[in-house]
């Protein structure tokens, strides 16, 4: 996804639950999001849209669904 920011969430995940949560939040915030990596300890999401809404997305996902625990979050530039 060109021009996207990749947000990396590290922790303990029920992958299906977290991916559903990510997709729901992206739709609500009218963002484009693609889950690039999804393992029980790391989820990487390429997200693009208005910067303020990307920030809100990061915050919402850092709180995550009740059955997942986000321990750390960081950003990296997406590959073009």
PDB file of N, CA and C in Angstrom:
ATOM      1  N   UNK A   1       0.857  -1.168   0.000  1.00  0.00           N
ATOM      2  CA  UNK A   1       0.000   0.000   0.000  1.00  0.00           C
ATOM      3  C   UNK A   1       0.902   1.230   0.000  1.00  0.00           C
ATOM      4  N   UNK A   2       0.928   1.950  -1.103  1.00  0.00           N
ATOM      5  CA  UNK A   2       1.820   3.092  -1.247  1.00  0.00           C
ATOM      6  C   UNK A   2       1.408   4.227  -0.320  1.00  0.00           C
ATOM      7  N   UNK A   3       2.405   4.838   0.335  1.00  0.00           N
ATOM      8  CA  UNK A   3       2.142   5.956   1.223  1.00  0.00           C
ATOM      9  C   UNK A   3       1.569   5.565   2.567  1.00  0.00           C
ATOM     10  N   UNK A   4       1.551   4.277   2.843  1.00  0.00           N
ATOM     11  CA  UNK A   4       0.974   3.802   4.095  1.00  0.00           C
ATOM     12  C   UNK A   4       2.003   3.829   5.214  1.00  0.00           C
ATOM     13  N   UNK A   5       1.500   3.814   6.412  1.00  0.00           N
ATOM     14  CA  UNK A   5       2.315   3.618   7.602  1.00  0.00           C
ATOM     15  C   UNK A   5       2.041   2.216   8.101  1.00  0.00           C
ATOM     16  N   UNK A   6       3.090   1.497   8.434  1.00  0.00           N
ATOM     17  CA  UNK A   6       2.911   0.169   9.016  1.00  0.00           C
ATOM     18  C   UNK A   6       2.972   0.323  10.529  1.00  0.00           C
ATOM     19  N   UNK A   7       1.914  -0.130  11.172  1.00  0.00           N
ATOM     20  CA  UNK A   7       1.857  -0.118  12.634  1.00  0.00           C
ATOM     21  C   UNK A   7       2.025  -1.556  13.094  1.00  0.00           C
ATOM     22  N   UNK A   8       2.988  -1.762  13.987  1.00  0.00           N
ATOM     23  CA  UNK A   8       3.295  -3.092  14.501  1.00  0.00           C
ATOM     24  C   UNK A   8       2.785  -3.179  15.937  1.00  0.00           C
ATOM     25  N   UNK A   9       1.972  -4.195  16.185  1.00  0.00           N
ATOM     26  CA  UNK A   9       1.440  -4.462  17.514  1.00  0.00           C
ATOM     27  C   UNK A   9       2.081  -5.754  18.008  1.00  0.00           C
ATOM     28  N   UNK A  10       2.728  -5.706  19.167  1.00  0.00           N
ATOM     29  CA  UNK A  10       3.337  -6.890  19.753  1.00  0.00           C
ATOM     30  C   UNK A  10       2.608  -7.213  21.044  1.00  0.00           C
ATOM     31  N   UNK A  11       2.427  -8.488  21.299  1.00  0.00           N
ATOM     32  CA  UNK A  11       1.731  -8.896  22.514  1.00  0.00           C
ATOM     33  C   UNK A  11       1.267 -10.327  22.426  1.00  0.00           C
ATOM     34  N   UNK A  12       0.083 -10.574  22.982  1.00  0.00           N
ATOM     35  CA  UNK A  12      -0.529 -11.901  22.964  1.00  0.00           C
ATOM     36  C   UNK A  12      -1.888 -11.757  22.296  1.00  0.00           C
ATOM     37  N   UNK A  13      -2.048 -12.416  21.145  1.00  0.00           N
ATOM     38  CA  UNK A  13      -3.245 -12.206  20.337  1.00  0.00           C
ATOM     39  C   UNK A  13      -3.972 -13.505  20.028  1.00  0.00           C
ATOM     40  N   UNK A  14      -5.298 -13.426  20.034  1.00  0.00           N
ATOM     41  CA  UNK A  14      -6.118 -14.381  19.313  1.00  0.00           C
ATOM     42  C   UNK A  14      -6.244 -13.739  17.943  1.00  0.00           C
ATOM     43  N   UNK A  15      -5.524 -14.275  16.988  1.00  0.00           N
ATOM     44  CA  UNK A  15      -5.320 -13.621  15.699  1.00  0.00           C
ATOM     45  C   UNK A  15      -6.637 -13.244  15.037  1.00  0.00           C
ATOM     46  N   UNK A  16      -7.586 -14.167  14.939  1.00  0.00           N
ATOM     47  CA  UNK A  16      -8.856 -13.865  14.276  1.00  0.00           C
ATOM     48  C   UNK A  16      -9.574 -12.698  14.944  1.00  0.00           C
ATOM     49  N   UNK A  17      -9.554 -12.675  16.249  1.00  0.00           N
ATOM     50  CA  UNK A  17     -10.218 -11.618  17.004  1.00  0.00           C
ATOM     51  C   UNK A  17      -9.570 -10.260  16.747  1.00  0.00           C
ATOM     52  N   UNK A  18      -8.237 -10.211  16.797  1.00  0.00           N
ATOM     53  CA  UNK A  18      -7.552  -8.934  16.614  1.00  0.00           C
ATOM     54  C   UNK A  18      -7.692  -8.430  15.188  1.00  0.00           C
ATOM     55  N   UNK A  19      -7.593  -9.321  14.214  1.00  0.00           N
ATOM     56  CA  UNK A  19      -7.742  -8.917  12.814  1.00  0.00           C
ATOM     57  C   UNK A  19      -9.147  -8.375  12.562  1.00  0.00           C
ATOM     58  N   UNK A  20     -10.158  -9.020  13.115  1.00  0.00           N
ATOM     59  CA  UNK A  20     -11.526  -8.512  12.978  1.00  0.00           C
ATOM     60  C   UNK A  20     -11.645  -7.124  13.613  1.00  0.00           C
ATOM     61  N   UNK A  21     -11.050  -6.947  14.786  1.00  0.00           N
ATOM     62  CA  UNK A  21     -11.055  -5.669  15.487  1.00  0.00           C
ATOM     63  C   UNK A  21     -10.390  -4.582  14.642  1.00  0.00           C
ATOM     64  N   UNK A  22      -9.216  -4.898  14.077  1.00  0.00           N
ATOM     65  CA  UNK A  22      -8.473  -3.966  13.227  1.00  0.00           C
ATOM     66  C   UNK A  22      -9.320  -3.533  12.031  1.00  0.00           C
ATOM     67  N   UNK A  23      -9.917  -4.502  11.355  1.00  0.00           N
ATOM     68  CA  UNK A  23     -10.726  -4.191  10.172  1.00  0.00           C
ATOM     69  C   UNK A  23     -11.944  -3.354  10.524  1.00  0.00           C
ATOM     70  N   UNK A  24     -12.574  -3.651  11.641  1.00  0.00           N
ATOM     71  CA  UNK A  24     -13.742  -2.881  12.076  1.00  0.00           C
ATOM     72  C   UNK A  24     -13.366  -1.436  12.383  1.00  0.00           C
ATOM     73  N   UNK A  25     -12.271  -1.249  13.112  1.00  0.00           N
ATOM     74  CA  UNK A  25     -11.836   0.110  13.454  1.00  0.00           C
ATOM     75  C   UNK A  25     -11.448   0.890  12.202  1.00  0.00           C
ATOM     76  N   UNK A  26     -10.776   0.250  11.271  1.00  0.00           N
ATOM     77  CA  UNK A  26     -10.385   0.921  10.026  1.00  0.00           C
ATOM     78  C   UNK A  26     -11.629   1.382   9.258  1.00  0.00           C
ATOM     79  N   UNK A  27     -12.630   0.522   9.164  1.00  0.00           N
ATOM     80  CA  UNK A  27     -13.864   0.915   8.469  1.00  0.00           C
ATOM     81  C   UNK A  27     -14.536   2.097   9.165  1.00  0.00           C
ATOM     82  N   UNK A  28     -14.621   2.039  10.482  1.00  0.00           N
ATOM     83  CA  UNK A  28     -15.268   3.130  11.239  1.00  0.00           C
ATOM     84  C   UNK A  28     -14.562   4.462  11.034  1.00  0.00           C
ATOM     85  N   UNK A  29     -13.239   4.423  10.880  1.00  0.00           N
ATOM     86  CA  UNK A  29     -12.449   5.643  10.711  1.00  0.00           C
ATOM     87  C   UNK A  29     -12.206   5.985   9.243  1.00  0.00           C
ATOM     88  N   UNK A  30     -12.801   5.221   8.349  1.00  0.00           N
ATOM     89  CA  UNK A  30     -12.667   5.428   6.902  1.00  0.00           C
ATOM     90  C   UNK A  30     -11.197   5.428   6.472  1.00  0.00           C
ATOM     91  N   UNK A  31     -10.469   4.412   6.955  1.00  0.00           N
ATOM     92  CA  UNK A  31      -9.073   4.226   6.606  1.00  0.00           C
ATOM     93  C   UNK A  31      -8.924   2.988   5.731  1.00  0.00           C
ATOM     94  N   UNK A  32      -7.867   2.964   4.940  1.00  0.00           N
ATOM     95  CA  UNK A  32      -7.498   1.764   4.207  1.00  0.00           C
ATOM     96  C   UNK A  32      -6.493   1.012   5.072  1.00  0.00           C
ATOM     97  N   UNK A  33      -6.777  -0.255   5.341  1.00  0.00           N
ATOM     98  CA  UNK A  33      -5.886  -1.049   6.180  1.00  0.00           C
ATOM     99  C   UNK A  33      -5.742  -2.448   5.598  1.00  0.00           C
ATOM    100  N   UNK A  34      -4.496  -2.933   5.616  1.00  0.00           N
ATOM    101  CA  UNK A  34      -4.186  -4.285   5.163  1.00  0.00           C
ATOM    102  C   UNK A  34      -3.330  -4.938   6.241  1.00  0.00           C
ATOM    103  N   UNK A  35      -3.780  -6.074   6.741  1.00  0.00           N
ATOM    104  CA  UNK A  35      -2.985  -6.828   7.709  1.00  0.00           C
ATOM    105  C   UNK A  35      -1.899  -7.550   6.927  1.00  0.00           C
ATOM    106  N   UNK A  36      -0.647  -7.206   7.214  1.00  0.00           N
ATOM    107  CA  UNK A  36       0.490  -7.781   6.487  1.00  0.00           C
ATOM    108  C   UNK A  36       1.072  -9.003   7.177  1.00  0.00           C
ATOM    109  N   UNK A  37       1.058  -9.010   8.488  1.00  0.00           N
ATOM    110  CA  UNK A  37       1.560 -10.120   9.286  1.00  0.00           C
ATOM    111  C   UNK A  37       0.588 -10.347  10.420  1.00  0.00           C
ATOM    112  N   UNK A  38       0.285 -11.617  10.690  1.00  0.00           N
ATOM    113  CA  UNK A  38      -0.637 -11.925  11.788  1.00  0.00           C
ATOM    114  C   UNK A  38      -0.219 -13.230  12.439  1.00  0.00           C
ATOM    115  N   UNK A  39       0.454 -13.107  13.576  1.00  0.00           N
ATOM    116  CA  UNK A  39       0.860 -14.270  14.365  1.00  0.00           C
ATOM    117  C   UNK A  39       0.357 -14.065  15.789  1.00  0.00           C
ATOM    118  N   UNK A  40       0.403 -15.092  16.617  1.00  0.00           N
ATOM    119  CA  UNK A  40      -0.077 -14.928  17.994  1.00  0.00           C
ATOM    120  C   UNK A  40       0.693 -13.898  18.831  1.00  0.00           C
ATOM    121  N   UNK A  41       1.874 -13.460  18.345  1.00  0.00           N
ATOM    122  CA  UNK A  41       2.633 -12.471  19.123  1.00  0.00           C
ATOM    123  C   UNK A  41       2.959 -11.188  18.366  1.00  0.00           C
ATOM    124  N   UNK A  42       2.548 -11.080  17.087  1.00  0.00           N
ATOM    125  CA  UNK A  42       2.843  -9.876  16.312  1.00  0.00           C
ATOM    126  C   UNK A  42       1.827  -9.683  15.197  1.00  0.00           C
ATOM    127  N   UNK A  43       1.261  -8.494  15.135  1.00  0.00           N
ATOM    128  CA  UNK A  43       0.341  -8.122  14.061  1.00  0.00           C
ATOM    129  C   UNK A  43       0.890  -6.847  13.424  1.00  0.00           C
ATOM    130  N   UNK A  44       1.079  -6.859  12.095  1.00  0.00           N
ATOM    131  CA  UNK A  44       1.526  -5.678  11.367  1.00  0.00           C
ATOM    132  C   UNK A  44       0.409  -5.249  10.427  1.00  0.00           C
ATOM    133  N   UNK A  45       0.070  -3.965  10.496  1.00  0.00           N
ATOM    134  CA  UNK A  45      -1.021  -3.428   9.689  1.00  0.00           C
ATOM    135  C   UNK A  45      -0.514  -2.223   8.903  1.00  0.00           C
ATOM    136  N   UNK A  46      -0.664  -2.256   7.578  1.00  0.00           N
ATOM    137  CA  UNK A  46      -0.383  -1.095   6.739  1.00  0.00           C
ATOM    138  C   UNK A  46      -1.665  -0.283   6.673  1.00  0.00           C
ATOM    139  N   UNK A  47      -1.596   0.962   7.073  1.00  0.00           N
ATOM    140  CA  UNK A  47      -2.793   1.799   7.148  1.00  0.00           C
ATOM    141  C   UNK A  47      -2.520   3.149   6.498  1.00  0.00           C
ATOM    142  N   UNK A  48      -3.509   3.647   5.767  1.00  0.00           N
ATOM    143  CA  UNK A  48      -3.371   4.968   5.159  1.00  0.00           C
ATOM    144  C   UNK A  48      -4.695   5.705   5.260  1.00  0.00           C
ATOM    145  N   UNK A  49      -4.575   7.024   5.286  1.00  0.00           N
ATOM    146  CA  UNK A  49      -5.724   7.898   5.421  1.00  0.00           C
ATOM    147  C   UNK A  49      -5.286   9.186   6.098  1.00  0.00           C
ATOM    148  N   UNK A  50      -6.248   9.921   6.611  1.00  0.00           N
ATOM    149  CA  UNK A  50      -5.930  11.178   7.293  1.00  0.00           C
ATOM    150  C   UNK A  50      -5.049  10.890   8.512  1.00  0.00           C
ATOM    151  N   UNK A  51      -3.948  11.636   8.656  1.00  0.00           N
ATOM    152  CA  UNK A  51      -3.006  11.361   9.749  1.00  0.00           C
ATOM    153  C   UNK A  51      -3.642  11.322  11.143  1.00  0.00           C
ATOM    154  N   UNK A  52      -4.568  12.219  11.409  1.00  0.00           N
ATOM    155  CA  UNK A  52      -5.210  12.240  12.728  1.00  0.00           C
ATOM    156  C   UNK A  52      -6.013  10.967  12.968  1.00  0.00           C
ATOM    157  N   UNK A  53      -6.624  10.451  11.900  1.00  0.00           N
ATOM    158  CA  UNK A  53      -7.408   9.227  12.028  1.00  0.00           C
ATOM    159  C   UNK A  53      -6.512   8.001  12.133  1.00  0.00           C
ATOM    160  N   UNK A  54      -5.341   8.042  11.497  1.00  0.00           N
ATOM    161  CA  UNK A  54      -4.361   6.963  11.670  1.00  0.00           C
ATOM    162  C   UNK A  54      -3.915   6.924  13.133  1.00  0.00           C
ATOM    163  N   UNK A  55      -3.694   8.088  13.731  1.00  0.00           N
ATOM    164  CA  UNK A  55      -3.342   8.156  15.158  1.00  0.00           C
ATOM    165  C   UNK A  55      -4.453   7.565  16.019  1.00  0.00           C
ATOM    166  N   UNK A  56      -5.702   7.900  15.709  1.00  0.00           N
ATOM    167  CA  UNK A  56      -6.842   7.370  16.461  1.00  0.00           C
ATOM    168  C   UNK A  56      -6.939   5.853  16.302  1.00  0.00           C
ATOM    169  N   UNK A  57      -6.673   5.376  15.097  1.00  0.00           N
ATOM    170  CA  UNK A  57      -6.670   3.938  14.824  1.00  0.00           C
ATOM    171  C   UNK A  57      -5.626   3.229  15.684  1.00  0.00           C
ATOM    172  N   UNK A  58      -4.422   3.799  15.723  1.00  0.00           N
ATOM    173  CA  UNK A  58      -3.353   3.215  16.547  1.00  0.00           C
ATOM    174  C   UNK A  58      -3.764   3.133  18.003  1.00  0.00           C
ATOM    175  N   UNK A  59      -4.355   4.211  18.511  1.00  0.00           N
ATOM    176  CA  UNK A  59      -4.778   4.238  19.908  1.00  0.00           C
ATOM    177  C   UNK A  59      -5.858   3.190  20.174  1.00  0.00           C
ATOM    178  N   UNK A  60      -6.866   3.146  19.309  1.00  0.00           N
ATOM    179  CA  UNK A  60      -7.958   2.183  19.494  1.00  0.00           C
ATOM    180  C   UNK A  60      -7.435   0.752  19.470  1.00  0.00           C
ATOM    181  N   UNK A  61      -6.556   0.458  18.520  1.00  0.00           N
ATOM    182  CA  UNK A  61      -6.041  -0.903  18.402  1.00  0.00           C
ATOM    183  C   UNK A  61      -5.077  -1.251  19.535  1.00  0.00           C
ATOM    184  N   UNK A  62      -4.403  -0.260  20.091  1.00  0.00           N
ATOM    185  CA  UNK A  62      -3.504  -0.537  21.212  1.00  0.00           C
ATOM    186  C   UNK A  62      -4.293  -0.993  22.437  1.00  0.00           C
ATOM    187  N   UNK A  63      -5.551  -0.564  22.518  1.00  0.00           N
ATOM    188  CA  UNK A  63      -6.418  -1.034  23.599  1.00  0.00           C
ATOM    189  C   UNK A  63      -6.968  -2.418  23.279  1.00  0.00           C
ATOM    190  N   UNK A  64      -7.156  -2.678  21.996  1.00  0.00           N
ATOM    191  CA  UNK A  64      -7.508  -4.000  21.491  1.00  0.00           C
ATOM    192  C   UNK A  64      -8.793  -4.587  22.024  1.00  0.00           C
ATOM    193  N   UNK A  65      -9.174  -5.735  21.480  1.00  0.00           N
ATOM    194  CA  UNK A  65     -10.321  -6.460  22.011  1.00  0.00           C
ATOM    195  C   UNK A  65      -9.952  -7.079  23.359  1.00  0.00           C
ATOM    196  N   UNK A  66     -10.946  -7.432  24.131  1.00  0.00           N
ATOM    197  CA  UNK A  66     -10.738  -7.915  25.496  1.00  0.00           C
ATOM    198  C   UNK A  66      -9.909  -9.195  25.562  1.00  0.00           C
ATOM    199  N   UNK A  67      -9.930  -9.995  24.499  1.00  0.00           N
ATOM    200  CA  UNK A  67      -9.229 -11.277  24.531  1.00  0.00           C
ATOM    201  C   UNK A  67      -7.807 -11.198  23.975  1.00  0.00           C
ATOM    202  N   UNK A  68      -7.292  -9.989  23.789  1.00  0.00           N
ATOM    203  CA  UNK A  68      -5.924  -9.786  23.290  1.00  0.00           C
ATOM    204  C   UNK A  68      -5.205  -8.792  24.202  1.00  0.00           C
ATOM    205  N   UNK A  69      -3.899  -8.955  24.291  1.00  0.00           N
ATOM    206  CA  UNK A  69      -3.096  -8.059  25.122  1.00  0.00           C
ATOM    207  C   UNK A  69      -1.995  -7.438  24.269  1.00  0.00           C
ATOM    208  N   UNK A  70      -2.079  -6.134  24.063  1.00  0.00           N
ATOM    209  CA  UNK A  70      -1.056  -5.409  23.315  1.00  0.00           C
ATOM    210  C   UNK A  70      -0.014  -4.918  24.319  1.00  0.00           C
ATOM    211  N   UNK A  71       1.215  -5.349  24.136  1.00  0.00           N
ATOM    212  CA  UNK A  71       2.296  -4.974  25.046  1.00  0.00           C
ATOM    213  C   UNK A  71       3.141  -3.830  24.511  1.00  0.00           C
ATOM    214  N   UNK A  72       3.211  -3.700  23.179  1.00  0.00           N
ATOM    215  CA  UNK A  72       4.047  -2.659  22.584  1.00  0.00           C
ATOM    216  C   UNK A  72       3.501  -2.320  21.207  1.00  0.00           C
ATOM    217  N   UNK A  73       3.726  -1.072  20.788  1.00  0.00           N
ATOM    218  CA  UNK A  73       3.287  -0.589  19.478  1.00  0.00           C
ATOM    219  C   UNK A  73       4.392   0.296  18.920  1.00  0.00           C
ATOM    220  N   UNK A  74       4.698   0.123  17.629  1.00  0.00           N
ATOM    221  CA  UNK A  74       5.624   1.035  16.966  1.00  0.00           C
ATOM    222  C   UNK A  74       5.243   1.142  15.505  1.00  0.00           C
ATOM    223  N   UNK A  75       5.789   2.156  14.855  1.00  0.00           N
ATOM    224  CA  UNK A  75       5.521   2.413  13.445  1.00  0.00           C
ATOM    225  C   UNK A  75       6.795   2.250  12.634  1.00  0.00           C
ATOM    226  N   UNK A  76       6.584   1.844  11.389  1.00  0.00           N
ATOM    227  CA  UNK A  76       7.694   1.826  10.427  1.00  0.00           C
ATOM    228  C   UNK A  76       7.119   2.220   9.077  1.00  0.00           C
ATOM    229  N   UNK A  77       7.977   2.702   8.193  1.00  0.00           N
ATOM    230  CA  UNK A  77       7.524   3.088   6.861  1.00  0.00           C
ATOM    231  C   UNK A  77       7.189   1.850   6.057  1.00  0.00           C
ATOM    232  N   UNK A  78       6.111   1.949   5.275  1.00  0.00           N
ATOM    233  CA  UNK A  78       5.717   0.836   4.410  1.00  0.00           C
ATOM    234  C   UNK A  78       6.616   0.800   3.192  1.00  0.00           C
ATOM    235  N   UNK A  79       6.806  -0.388   2.657  1.00  0.00           N
ATOM    236  CA  UNK A  79       7.510  -0.523   1.380  1.00  0.00           C
ATOM    237  C   UNK A  79       6.589  -0.045   0.284  1.00  0.00           C
ATOM    238  N   UNK A  80       7.118   0.704  -0.647  1.00  0.00           N
ATOM    239  CA  UNK A  80       6.284   1.246  -1.730  1.00  0.00           C
ATOM    240  C   UNK A  80       5.815   0.193  -2.678  1.00  0.00           C
TER     241      UNK A  80
END
